[in-house]
PDB file of N, CA and C in Angstrom:
ATOM      1  N   MET A   1       1.003  -1.722  -0.411  1.00  0.00           N
ATOM      2  CA  MET A   1      -0.109  -0.243   0.437  1.00  0.00           C
ATOM      3  C   MET A   1       0.438   0.875   0.047  1.00  0.00           C
ATOM      4  N   ILE A   2       0.563   1.809  -0.568  1.00  0.00           N
ATOM      5  CA  ILE A   2       1.127   2.956  -1.156  1.00  0.00           C
ATOM      6  C   ILE A   2       0.718   5.056  -0.636  1.00  0.00           C
ATOM      7  N   LEU A   3       1.093   4.922   0.432  1.00  0.00           N
ATOM      8  CA  LEU A   3       0.104   5.716   1.718  1.00  0.00           C
ATOM      9  C   LEU A   3       1.709   6.602   0.738  1.00  0.00           C
ATOM     10  N   GLU A   4       1.334   8.968   0.277  1.00  0.00           N
ATOM     11  CA  GLU A   4       1.656   9.637   0.238  1.00  0.00           C
ATOM     12  C   GLU A   4       1.717  10.681   0.395  1.00  0.00           C
ATOM     13  N   PHE A   5       1.909  11.810   1.437  1.00  0.00           N
ATOM     14  CA  PHE A   5       1.772  11.967   1.604  1.00  0.00           C
ATOM     15  C   PHE A   5       2.413  13.085   1.029  1.00  0.00           C
ATOM     16  N   ILE A   6       1.586  14.613   0.844  1.00  0.00           N
ATOM     17  CA  ILE A   6       1.900  15.902  -0.712  1.00  0.00           C
ATOM     18  C   ILE A   6       1.730  16.758   0.932  1.00  0.00           C
ATOM     19  N   SER A   7       2.830  17.930   0.831  1.00  0.00           N
ATOM     20  CA  SER A   7       2.100  19.476   0.763  1.00  0.00           C
ATOM     21  C   SER A   7       2.159  20.689   0.551  1.00  0.00           C
ATOM     22  N   LEU A   8       1.552  20.843   0.293  1.00  0.00           N
ATOM     23  CA  LEU A   8       1.025  21.953  -1.007  1.00  0.00           C
ATOM     24  C   LEU A   8       1.184  23.300  -0.300  1.00  0.00           C
ATOM     25  N   LYS A   9       2.220  24.240  -0.418  1.00  0.00           N
ATOM     26  CA  LYS A   9       1.766  25.852   0.275  1.00  0.00           C
ATOM     27  C   LYS A   9       0.210  26.023  -0.290  1.00  0.00           C
ATOM     28  N   ILE A  10      -0.127  26.813   0.233  1.00  0.00           N
ATOM     29  CA  ILE A  10      -1.304  27.716  -0.581  1.00  0.00           C
ATOM     30  C   ILE A  10      -1.607  28.050  -0.288  1.00  0.00           C
ATOM     31  N   ARG A  11      -1.062  29.843  -0.324  1.00  0.00           N
ATOM     32  CA  ARG A  11      -1.703  31.170   0.328  1.00  0.00           C
ATOM     33  C   ARG A  11      -1.081  31.217   1.566  1.00  0.00           C
ATOM     34  N   GLY A  12      -0.167  31.151   2.030  1.00  0.00           N
ATOM     35  CA  GLY A  12       0.530  31.821   2.569  1.00  0.00           C
ATOM     36  C   GLY A  12       0.539  29.400   4.235  1.00  0.00           C
ATOM     37  N   SER A  13      -0.708  28.683   4.570  1.00  0.00           N
ATOM     38  CA  SER A  13      -0.786  27.532   4.613  1.00  0.00           C
ATOM     39  C   SER A  13      -0.340  26.293   4.400  1.00  0.00           C
ATOM     40  N   VAL A  14      -0.568  25.400   5.292  1.00  0.00           N
ATOM     41  CA  VAL A  14       0.137  24.015   4.056  1.00  0.00           C
ATOM     42  C   VAL A  14      -1.214  23.637   4.680  1.00  0.00           C
ATOM     43  N   ARG A  15      -0.834  22.588   3.586  1.00  0.00           N
ATOM     44  CA  ARG A  15      -2.600  21.686   3.927  1.00  0.00           C
ATOM     45  C   ARG A  15      -1.471  20.145   3.814  1.00  0.00           C
ATOM     46  N   ARG A  16      -1.984  19.297   4.357  1.00  0.00           N
ATOM     47  CA  ARG A  16      -1.969  18.226   3.857  1.00  0.00           C
ATOM     48  C   ARG A  16      -2.101  17.307   2.603  1.00  0.00           C
ATOM     49  N   LYS A  17      -2.427  16.131   1.993  1.00  0.00           N
ATOM     50  CA  LYS A  17      -2.957  15.956   1.003  1.00  0.00           C
ATOM     51  C   LYS A  17      -2.173  14.142   0.717  1.00  0.00           C
ATOM     52  N   VAL A  18      -3.888  13.241   0.325  1.00  0.00           N
ATOM     53  CA  VAL A  18      -3.206  12.070   0.606  1.00  0.00           C
ATOM     54  C   VAL A  18      -3.553  11.856  -0.564  1.00  0.00           C
ATOM     55  N   VAL A  19      -2.341  11.973  -1.271  1.00  0.00           N
ATOM     56  CA  VAL A  19      -2.393  10.901  -2.676  1.00  0.00           C
ATOM     57  C   VAL A  19      -2.620   9.357  -2.502  1.00  0.00           C
ATOM     58  N   ALA A  20      -3.486   9.072  -4.132  1.00  0.00           N
ATOM     59  CA  ALA A  20      -4.214   7.972  -4.309  1.00  0.00           C
ATOM     60  C   ALA A  20      -2.384   6.174  -3.885  1.00  0.00           C
ATOM     61  N   ASN A  21      -3.983   5.361  -3.425  1.00  0.00           N
ATOM     62  CA  ASN A  21      -2.031   4.605  -3.480  1.00  0.00           C
ATOM     63  C   ASN A  21      -2.291   3.762  -4.210  1.00  0.00           C
ATOM     64  N   ILE A  22      -2.930   4.240  -5.657  1.00  0.00           N
ATOM     65  CA  ILE A  22      -2.595   4.383  -7.141  1.00  0.00           C
ATOM     66  C   ILE A  22      -1.505   3.684  -8.100  1.00  0.00           C
ATOM     67  N   LYS A  23      -0.373   3.593  -8.063  1.00  0.00           N
ATOM     68  CA  LYS A  23       1.155   4.375  -8.963  1.00  0.00           C
ATOM     69  C   LYS A  23       0.825   4.452  -9.825  1.00  0.00           C
ATOM     70  N   SER A  24      -0.073   4.656 -10.510  1.00  0.00           N
ATOM     71  CA  SER A  24      -0.284   5.820 -12.014  1.00  0.00           C
ATOM     72  C   SER A  24      -1.005   6.861 -11.778  1.00  0.00           C
ATOM     73  N   ALA A  25      -1.587   6.621 -10.358  1.00  0.00           N
ATOM     74  CA  ALA A  25      -2.251   8.138  -9.796  1.00  0.00           C
ATOM     75  C   ALA A  25      -1.274   8.702  -9.003  1.00  0.00           C
ATOM     76  N   VAL A  26      -0.900   8.236  -8.639  1.00  0.00           N
ATOM     77  CA  VAL A  26       0.834   9.380  -7.965  1.00  0.00           C
ATOM     78  C   VAL A  26       1.248   9.805  -8.747  1.00  0.00           C
ATOM     79  N   LYS A  27       1.126   8.670  -9.859  1.00  0.00           N
ATOM     80  CA  LYS A  27       2.533   9.770 -11.048  1.00  0.00           C
ATOM     81  C   LYS A  27       1.370  10.443 -12.097  1.00  0.00           C
ATOM     82  N   ARG A  28       0.566  10.307 -12.220  1.00  0.00           N
ATOM     83  CA  ARG A  28      -0.248  11.513 -12.202  1.00  0.00           C
ATOM     84  C   ARG A  28      -0.844  12.574 -11.679  1.00  0.00           C
ATOM     85  N   HIS A  29      -0.458  12.535 -10.497  1.00  0.00           N
ATOM     86  CA  HIS A  29      -0.556  13.298  -9.213  1.00  0.00           C
ATOM     87  C   HIS A  29       0.883  14.783  -9.084  1.00  0.00           C
ATOM     88  N   LYS A  30       1.199  14.156  -9.556  1.00  0.00           N
ATOM     89  CA  LYS A  30       2.603  14.498  -9.266  1.00  0.00           C
ATOM     90  C   LYS A  30       2.937  14.465 -10.788  1.00  0.00           C
ATOM     91  N   GLN A  31       2.815  14.317 -11.291  1.00  0.00           N
ATOM     92  CA  GLN A  31       3.104  14.897 -13.769  1.00  0.00           C
ATOM     93  C   GLN A  31       1.682  16.890 -13.424  1.00  0.00           C
ATOM     94  N   ASN A  32       0.593  16.678 -12.693  1.00  0.00           N
ATOM     95  CA  ASN A  32      -0.201  17.881 -12.057  1.00  0.00           C
ATOM     96  C   ASN A  32      -0.084  18.713 -11.536  1.00  0.00           C
ATOM     97  N   LEU A  33       1.513  18.343 -10.666  1.00  0.00           N
ATOM     98  CA  LEU A  33       1.708  19.149  -9.474  1.00  0.00           C
ATOM     99  C   LEU A  33       2.691  20.246 -11.016  1.00  0.00           C
ATOM    100  N   LYS A  34       3.709  19.619 -11.130  1.00  0.00           N
ATOM    101  CA  LYS A  34       4.723  20.146 -11.450  1.00  0.00           C
ATOM    102  C   LYS A  34       4.055  20.984 -13.347  1.00  0.00           C
ATOM    103  N   ARG A  35       3.173  20.567 -14.048  1.00  0.00           N
ATOM    104  CA  ARG A  35       1.990  21.578 -14.941  1.00  0.00           C
ATOM    105  C   ARG A  35       1.964  22.814 -14.232  1.00  0.00           C
ATOM    106  N   ARG A  36       1.082  22.334 -12.859  1.00  0.00           N
ATOM    107  CA  ARG A  36       0.315  23.233 -12.818  1.00  0.00           C
ATOM    108  C   ARG A  36       1.297  24.792 -12.221  1.00  0.00           C
ATOM    109  N   THR A  37       2.616  24.344 -11.649  1.00  0.00           N
ATOM    110  CA  THR A  37       3.890  25.079 -11.366  1.00  0.00           C
ATOM    111  C   THR A  37       3.954  25.916 -11.983  1.00  0.00           C
ATOM    112  N   ARG A  38       4.892  25.203 -13.604  1.00  0.00           N
ATOM    113  CA  ARG A  38       4.885  25.498 -14.778  1.00  0.00           C
ATOM    114  C   ARG A  38       3.679  26.529 -15.349  1.00  0.00           C
ATOM    115  N   ASN A  39       2.720  26.360 -15.274  1.00  0.00           N
ATOM    116  CA  ASN A  39       1.582  27.249 -16.007  1.00  0.00           C
ATOM    117  C   ASN A  39       0.881  28.495 -15.112  1.00  0.00           C
ATOM    118  N   ARG A  40       1.914  28.356 -13.691  1.00  0.00           N
ATOM    119  CA  ARG A  40       2.418  29.331 -12.764  1.00  0.00           C
ATOM    120  C   ARG A  40       2.636  30.373 -12.791  1.00  0.00           C
ATOM    121  N   ILE A  41       4.628  29.679 -13.074  1.00  0.00           N
ATOM    122  CA  ILE A  41       5.604  30.511 -13.307  1.00  0.00           C
ATOM    123  C   ILE A  41       5.090  30.426 -14.984  1.00  0.00           C
ATOM    124  N   ARG A  42       4.015  31.161 -15.839  1.00  0.00           N
ATOM    125  CA  ARG A  42       4.106  30.895 -17.403  1.00  0.00           C
ATOM    126  C   ARG A  42       3.294  32.743 -17.794  1.00  0.00           C
ATOM    127  N   LYS A  43       2.450  31.943 -16.434  1.00  0.00           N
ATOM    128  CA  LYS A  43       1.274  33.871 -15.712  1.00  0.00           C
ATOM    129  C   LYS A  43       1.889  34.737 -15.919  1.00  0.00           C
ATOM    130  N   SER A  44       2.595  34.082 -14.983  1.00  0.00           N
ATOM    131  CA  SER A  44       3.676  34.903 -13.657  1.00  0.00           C
ATOM    132  C   SER A  44       4.041  35.924 -14.994  1.00  0.00           C
ATOM    133  N   ARG A  45       4.471  35.255 -15.629  1.00  0.00           N
ATOM    134  CA  ARG A  45       5.356  36.495 -16.470  1.00  0.00           C
ATOM    135  C   ARG A  45       5.090  36.783 -17.668  1.00  0.00           C
ATOM    136  N   VAL A  46       4.151  36.508 -18.089  1.00  0.00           N
ATOM    137  CA  VAL A  46       2.576  37.354 -18.626  1.00  0.00           C
ATOM    138  C   VAL A  46       2.301  38.901 -18.558  1.00  0.00           C
ATOM    139  N   LYS A  47       2.075  38.413 -16.416  1.00  0.00           N
ATOM    140  CA  LYS A  47       1.610  39.236 -15.665  1.00  0.00           C
ATOM    141  C   LYS A  47       2.773  40.207 -15.987  1.00  0.00           C
ATOM    142  N   THR A  48       4.426  40.069 -15.550  1.00  0.00           N
ATOM    143  CA  THR A  48       5.267  41.499 -14.819  1.00  0.00           C
ATOM    144  C   THR A  48       5.477  42.424 -16.304  1.00  0.00           C
ATOM    145  N   HIS A  49       5.365  41.444 -17.124  1.00  0.00           N
ATOM    146  CA  HIS A  49       5.715  42.046 -18.603  1.00  0.00           C
ATOM    147  C   HIS A  49       4.615  42.812 -19.233  1.00  0.00           C
ATOM    148  N   VAL A  50       3.029  43.002 -18.562  1.00  0.00           N
ATOM    149  CA  VAL A  50       2.061  43.572 -18.665  1.00  0.00           C
ATOM    150  C   VAL A  50       2.482  44.916 -18.022  1.00  0.00           C
ATOM    151  N   LYS A  51       2.048  44.842 -16.601  1.00  0.00           N
ATOM    152  CA  LYS A  51       3.280  45.374 -15.654  1.00  0.00           C
ATOM    153  C   LYS A  51       3.711  46.013 -16.314  1.00  0.00           C
ATOM    154  N   ALA A  52       4.871  45.943 -17.044  1.00  0.00           N
ATOM    155  CA  ALA A  52       6.165  46.707 -17.202  1.00  0.00           C
ATOM    156  C   ALA A  52       5.970  47.805 -17.754  1.00  0.00           C
ATOM    157  N   PHE A  53       4.925  47.215 -19.215  1.00  0.00           N
ATOM    158  CA  PHE A  53       4.754  47.915 -19.921  1.00  0.00           C
ATOM    159  C   PHE A  53       2.821  49.155 -19.903  1.00  0.00           C
ATOM    160  N   LYS A  54       2.681  49.119 -18.751  1.00  0.00           N
ATOM    161  CA  LYS A  54       1.363  49.702 -18.302  1.00  0.00           C
ATOM    162  C   LYS A  54       2.105  50.787 -17.747  1.00  0.00           C
ATOM    163  N   LEU A  55       3.664  50.218 -16.552  1.00  0.00           N
ATOM    164  CA  LEU A  55       3.958  50.533 -16.142  1.00  0.00           C
ATOM    165  C   LEU A  55       4.546  51.902 -16.976  1.00  0.00           C
ATOM    166  N   ALA A  56       5.211  51.609 -18.179  1.00  0.00           N
ATOM    167  CA  ALA A  56       6.315  52.879 -19.256  1.00  0.00           C
ATOM    168  C   ALA A  56       5.091  53.816 -19.750  1.00  0.00           C
ATOM    169  N   LEU A  57       3.804  52.645 -19.813  1.00  0.00           N
ATOM    170  CA  LEU A  57       2.631  54.568 -20.440  1.00  0.00           C
ATOM    171  C   LEU A  57       2.141  54.751 -19.034  1.00  0.00           C
ATOM    172  N   LEU A  58       2.280  54.633 -18.113  1.00  0.00           N
ATOM    173  CA  LEU A  58       1.778  55.737 -16.897  1.00  0.00           C
ATOM    174  C   LEU A  58       2.964  57.009 -17.379  1.00  0.00           C
ATOM    175  N   GLU A  59       3.880  55.526 -17.021  1.00  0.00           N
ATOM    176  CA  GLU A  59       5.573  57.306 -16.669  1.00  0.00           C
ATOM    177  C   GLU A  59       5.146  57.865 -17.709  1.00  0.00           C
ATOM    178  N   LYS A  60       4.472  58.315 -18.998  1.00  0.00           N
ATOM    179  CA  LYS A  60       5.022  58.376 -20.205  1.00  0.00           C
ATOM    180  C   LYS A  60       5.928  57.914 -20.570  1.00  0.00           C
ATOM    181  N   ASP A  61       6.946  57.251 -20.582  1.00  0.00           N
ATOM    182  CA  ASP A  61       7.582  56.689 -21.659  1.00  0.00           C
ATOM    183  C   ASP A  61       8.010  55.882 -22.525  1.00  0.00           C
ATOM    184  N   ILE A  62       7.296  57.104 -24.063  1.00  0.00           N
ATOM    185  CA  ILE A  62       7.114  55.297 -25.107  1.00  0.00           C
ATOM    186  C   ILE A  62       8.066  55.423 -25.601  1.00  0.00           C
ATOM    187  N   ASP A  63       9.299  55.104 -25.670  1.00  0.00           N
ATOM    188  CA  ASP A  63       9.990  55.038 -26.061  1.00  0.00           C
ATOM    189  C   ASP A  63      10.142  52.959 -25.029  1.00  0.00           C
ATOM    190  N   ARG A  64      10.094  53.707 -24.158  1.00  0.00           N
ATOM    191  CA  ARG A  64      10.407  51.963 -23.464  1.00  0.00           C
ATOM    192  C   ARG A  64       9.402  50.914 -23.873  1.00  0.00           C
ATOM    193  N   ALA A  65       7.995  52.234 -23.142  1.00  0.00           N
ATOM    194  CA  ALA A  65       6.656  51.280 -23.960  1.00  0.00           C
ATOM    195  C   ALA A  65       6.447  50.916 -25.398  1.00  0.00           C
ATOM    196  N   ARG A  66       7.305  51.878 -26.362  1.00  0.00           N
ATOM    197  CA  ARG A  66       7.340  50.102 -27.558  1.00  0.00           C
ATOM    198  C   ARG A  66       8.922  49.086 -27.313  1.00  0.00           C
ATOM    199  N   GLU A  67       8.944  48.991 -26.754  1.00  0.00           N
ATOM    200  CA  GLU A  67      10.389  48.030 -26.418  1.00  0.00           C
ATOM    201  C   GLU A  67       9.408  46.743 -25.185  1.00  0.00           C
ATOM    202  N   LEU A  68       8.675  47.033 -25.319  1.00  0.00           N
ATOM    203  CA  LEU A  68       8.440  45.825 -23.291  1.00  0.00           C
ATOM    204  C   LEU A  68       6.952  45.876 -24.462  1.00  0.00           C
ATOM    205  N   LEU A  69       6.479  46.665 -25.435  1.00  0.00           N
ATOM    206  CA  LEU A  69       5.041  45.496 -26.192  1.00  0.00           C
ATOM    207  C   LEU A  69       5.377  44.307 -27.051  1.00  0.00           C
ATOM    208  N   PRO A  70       6.591  44.087 -27.807  1.00  0.00           N
ATOM    209  CA  PRO A  70       6.450  42.719 -28.561  1.00  0.00           C
ATOM    210  C   PRO A  70       6.825  42.357 -27.196  1.00  0.00           C
ATOM    211  N   LYS A  71       8.025  42.584 -26.209  1.00  0.00           N
ATOM    212  CA  LYS A  71       7.795  41.529 -25.434  1.00  0.00           C
ATOM    213  C   LYS A  71       7.275  40.836 -24.586  1.00  0.00           C
ATOM    214  N   ALA A  72       5.781  42.355 -24.553  1.00  0.00           N
ATOM    215  CA  ALA A  72       4.623  40.978 -24.101  1.00  0.00           C
ATOM    216  C   ALA A  72       4.343  40.127 -24.058  1.00  0.00           C
ATOM    217  N   MET A  73       4.081  40.726 -25.695  1.00  0.00           N
ATOM    218  CA  MET A  73       3.701  40.112 -26.225  1.00  0.00           C
ATOM    219  C   MET A  73       3.712  38.395 -27.076  1.00  0.00           C
ATOM    220  N   ARG A  74       5.298  39.259 -26.669  1.00  0.00           N
ATOM    221  CA  ARG A  74       5.138  37.318 -26.479  1.00  0.00           C
ATOM    222  C   ARG A  74       5.139  36.863 -26.142  1.00  0.00           C
ATOM    223  N   GLU A  75       5.710  37.110 -24.861  1.00  0.00           N
ATOM    224  CA  GLU A  75       4.767  36.659 -23.224  1.00  0.00           C
ATOM    225  C   GLU A  75       4.073  35.656 -23.561  1.00  0.00           C
ATOM    226  N   ILE A  76       3.144  37.333 -23.666  1.00  0.00           N
ATOM    227  CA  ILE A  76       1.370  36.444 -23.893  1.00  0.00           C
ATOM    228  C   ILE A  76       1.286  35.056 -24.923  1.00  0.00           C
ATOM    229  N   HIS A  77       1.268  34.780 -25.975  1.00  0.00           N
ATOM    230  CA  HIS A  77       1.565  34.573 -27.691  1.00  0.00           C
ATOM    231  C   HIS A  77       2.715  32.507 -26.748  1.00  0.00           C
ATOM    232  N   LYS A  78       3.857  32.526 -25.532  1.00  0.00           N
ATOM    233  CA  LYS A  78       4.449  31.684 -25.587  1.00  0.00           C
ATOM    234  C   LYS A  78       3.307  31.278 -24.521  1.00  0.00           C
ATOM    235  N   ALA A  79       2.848  32.219 -23.792  1.00  0.00           N
ATOM    236  CA  ALA A  79       1.854  31.170 -22.741  1.00  0.00           C
ATOM    237  C   ALA A  79       0.170  30.314 -23.188  1.00  0.00           C
ATOM    238  N   ALA A  80      -0.137  30.798 -24.705  1.00  0.00           N
ATOM    239  CA  ALA A  80      -1.319  30.256 -24.962  1.00  0.00           C
ATOM    240  C   ALA A  80      -0.385  29.087 -26.043  1.00  0.00           C
ATOM    241  N   SER A  81       0.845  29.466 -26.440  1.00  0.00           N
ATOM    242  CA  SER A  81       1.028  28.272 -26.919  1.00  0.00           C
ATOM    243  C   SER A  81       1.000  26.707 -26.427  1.00  0.00           C
ATOM    244  N   LYS A  82       1.714  27.512 -25.405  1.00  0.00           N
ATOM    245  CA  LYS A  82       2.430  26.512 -24.286  1.00  0.00           C
ATOM    246  C   LYS A  82       0.778  25.380 -23.213  1.00  0.00           C
ATOM    247  N   GLY A  83       0.227  26.715 -23.657  1.00  0.00           N
ATOM    248  CA  GLY A  83      -1.507  26.180 -23.157  1.00  0.00           C
ATOM    249  C   GLY A  83      -1.965  27.329 -21.158  1.00  0.00           C
ATOM    250  N   ALA A  84      -0.337  27.735 -21.077  1.00  0.00           N
ATOM    251  CA  ALA A  84      -1.457  27.763 -19.757  1.00  0.00           C
ATOM    252  C   ALA A  84      -2.070  28.961 -19.830  1.00  0.00           C
ATOM    253  N   LEU A  85      -2.421  29.612 -21.006  1.00  0.00           N
ATOM    254  CA  LEU A  85      -3.706  31.312 -21.225  1.00  0.00           C
ATOM    255  C   LEU A  85      -4.739  30.041 -22.471  1.00  0.00           C
ATOM    256  N   HIS A  86      -5.686  30.188 -22.735  1.00  0.00           N
ATOM    257  CA  HIS A  86      -6.409  30.320 -23.535  1.00  0.00           C
ATOM    258  C   HIS A  86      -6.573  31.430 -24.449  1.00  0.00           C
ATOM    259  N   LYS A  87      -6.095  30.809 -25.997  1.00  0.00           N
ATOM    260  CA  LYS A  87      -6.592  31.415 -26.882  1.00  0.00           C
ATOM    261  C   LYS A  87      -6.831  32.376 -26.565  1.00  0.00           C
ATOM    262  N   ASN A  88      -8.403  32.493 -26.431  1.00  0.00           N
ATOM    263  CA  ASN A  88      -8.498  33.490 -26.805  1.00  0.00           C
ATOM    264  C   ASN A  88      -8.752  34.447 -25.819  1.00  0.00           C
ATOM    265  N   ASN A  89      -8.278  34.208 -25.091  1.00  0.00           N
ATOM    266  CA  ASN A  89      -8.098  34.820 -24.174  1.00  0.00           C
ATOM    267  C   ASN A  89      -6.444  35.502 -23.646  1.00  0.00           C
ATOM    268  N   ALA A  90      -5.492  34.821 -24.305  1.00  0.00           N
ATOM    269  CA  ALA A  90      -4.037  35.233 -24.891  1.00  0.00           C
ATOM    270  C   ALA A  90      -4.639  36.398 -26.636  1.00  0.00           C
ATOM    271  N   SER A  91      -6.136  36.323 -26.925  1.00  0.00           N
ATOM    272  CA  SER A  91      -5.893  37.234 -28.468  1.00  0.00           C
ATOM    273  C   SER A  91      -6.554  39.082 -27.099  1.00  0.00           C
ATOM    274  N   ARG A  92      -7.355  38.511 -27.049  1.00  0.00           N
ATOM    275  CA  ARG A  92      -8.083  39.446 -25.837  1.00  0.00           C
ATOM    276  C   ARG A  92      -7.499  40.171 -25.133  1.00  0.00           C
ATOM    277  N   LYS A  93      -6.248  40.069 -24.376  1.00  0.00           N
ATOM    278  CA  LYS A  93      -4.803  40.947 -24.197  1.00  0.00           C
ATOM    279  C   LYS A  93      -4.085  41.657 -24.773  1.00  0.00           C
ATOM    280  N   ILE A  94      -4.031  40.381 -25.202  1.00  0.00           N
ATOM    281  CA  ILE A  94      -3.348  41.115 -26.829  1.00  0.00           C
ATOM    282  C   ILE A  94      -4.019  42.674 -27.363  1.00  0.00           C
ATOM    283  N   SER A  95      -5.060  42.037 -27.974  1.00  0.00           N
ATOM    284  CA  SER A  95      -5.817  43.104 -28.541  1.00  0.00           C
ATOM    285  C   SER A  95      -6.268  44.470 -27.675  1.00  0.00           C
ATOM    286  N   ARG A  96      -6.148  44.369 -26.070  1.00  0.00           N
ATOM    287  CA  ARG A  96      -6.125  45.351 -24.694  1.00  0.00           C
ATOM    288  C   ARG A  96      -5.402  46.203 -25.098  1.00  0.00           C
ATOM    289  N   LEU A  97      -3.827  45.132 -24.911  1.00  0.00           N
ATOM    290  CA  LEU A  97      -2.183  46.435 -24.645  1.00  0.00           C
ATOM    291  C   LEU A  97      -1.675  46.931 -26.080  1.00  0.00           C
ATOM    292  N   SER A  98      -2.428  45.937 -27.520  1.00  0.00           N
ATOM    293  CA  SER A  98      -3.184  47.681 -28.741  1.00  0.00           C
ATOM    294  C   SER A  98      -3.904  48.671 -28.466  1.00  0.00           C
ATOM    295  N   ARG A  99      -4.811  48.850 -27.871  1.00  0.00           N
ATOM    296  CA  ARG A  99      -5.363  49.557 -28.083  1.00  0.00           C
ATOM    297  C   ARG A  99      -5.203  50.697 -27.061  1.00  0.00           C
ATOM    298  N   LEU A 100      -3.592  49.792 -26.108  1.00  0.00           N
ATOM    299  CA  LEU A 100      -3.261  50.851 -25.192  1.00  0.00           C
ATOM    300  C   LEU A 100      -2.539  51.529 -25.523  1.00  0.00           C
ATOM    301  N   ALA A 101      -1.908  51.412 -26.946  1.00  0.00           N
ATOM    302  CA  ALA A 101      -0.737  51.713 -27.002  1.00  0.00           C
ATOM    303  C   ALA A 101      -1.062  52.663 -28.361  1.00  0.00           C
ATOM    304  N   ASP A 102      -1.832  52.367 -29.592  1.00  0.00           N
ATOM    305  CA  ASP A 102      -2.860  53.628 -29.851  1.00  0.00           C
ATOM    306  C   ASP A 102      -3.515  54.575 -29.427  1.00  0.00           C
ATOM    307  N   LYS A 103      -3.792  54.501 -28.062  1.00  0.00           N
ATOM    308  CA  LYS A 103      -4.640  54.853 -27.385  1.00  0.00           C
ATOM    309  C   LYS A 103      -3.532  56.236 -26.876  1.00  0.00           C
ATOM    310  N   TYR A 104      -1.809  56.367 -26.306  1.00  0.00           N
ATOM    311  CA  TYR A 104      -0.864  56.497 -25.020  1.00  0.00           C
ATOM    312  C   TYR A 104       0.229  57.467 -26.302  1.00  0.00           C
ATOM    313  N   GLU A 105       0.256  56.785 -27.262  1.00  0.00           N
ATOM    314  CA  GLU A 105       1.033  57.039 -28.737  1.00  0.00           C
ATOM    315  C   GLU A 105      -0.115  59.056 -29.225  1.00  0.00           C
ATOM    316  N   VAL A 106      -1.129  58.041 -29.817  1.00  0.00           N
ATOM    317  CA  VAL A 106      -1.757  60.029 -30.609  1.00  0.00           C
ATOM    318  C   VAL A 106      -2.241  60.286 -29.225  1.00  0.00           C
ATOM    319  N   GLU A 107      -2.226  60.201 -28.285  1.00  0.00           N
ATOM    320  CA  GLU A 107      -2.140  61.792 -26.558  1.00  0.00           C
ATOM    321  C   GLU A 107      -0.963  62.577 -26.424  1.00  0.00           C
ATOM    322  N   SER A 108       0.369  61.517 -26.563  1.00  0.00           N
ATOM    323  CA  SER A 108       1.261  61.986 -25.953  1.00  0.00           C
ATOM    324  C   SER A 108       1.542  62.755 -28.870  1.00  0.00           C
ATOM    325  N   GLY A 109       1.315  62.452 -28.930  1.00  0.00           N
ATOM    326  CA  GLY A 109       2.047  63.134 -30.080  1.00  0.00           C
ATOM    327  C   GLY A 109       0.116  64.188 -30.352  1.00  0.00           C
ATOM    328  N   LYS A 110      -0.064  64.350 -29.801  1.00  0.00           N
ATOM    329  CA  LYS A 110      -0.830  65.910 -29.738  1.00  0.00           C
ATOM    330  C   LYS A 110      -0.316  66.624 -28.186  1.00  0.00           C
ATOM    331  N   LYS A 111       0.088  66.773 -26.701  1.00  0.00           N
ATOM    332  CA  LYS A 111       0.452  67.918 -26.069  1.00  0.00           C
ATOM    333  C   LYS A 111       1.935  68.111 -26.431  1.00  0.00           C
TER     334      LYS A 111
END
């Protein structure tokens, strides 16, 4: 009988989970944990790049924003292609970033 205890740190607290007794279920659980970690890292990278782009726009640093926009888009595409984001979600994020970029470039041209 294989009884395995896995500690998962979720929002500061530690939960103890009992994993199934079947070998294939134990393996599947381990794979899911790895994939979940990878997906969280990918999503975090997307958020970081988007935040940096928006911050550059807020600071009216248009040149920096022009550099950061393709990087943010690349991270979003990568996350979608790896399955961390749904393709429609990625498309929506890219569309919103593009609209923001257009809006700020037009405003900076007026002033």
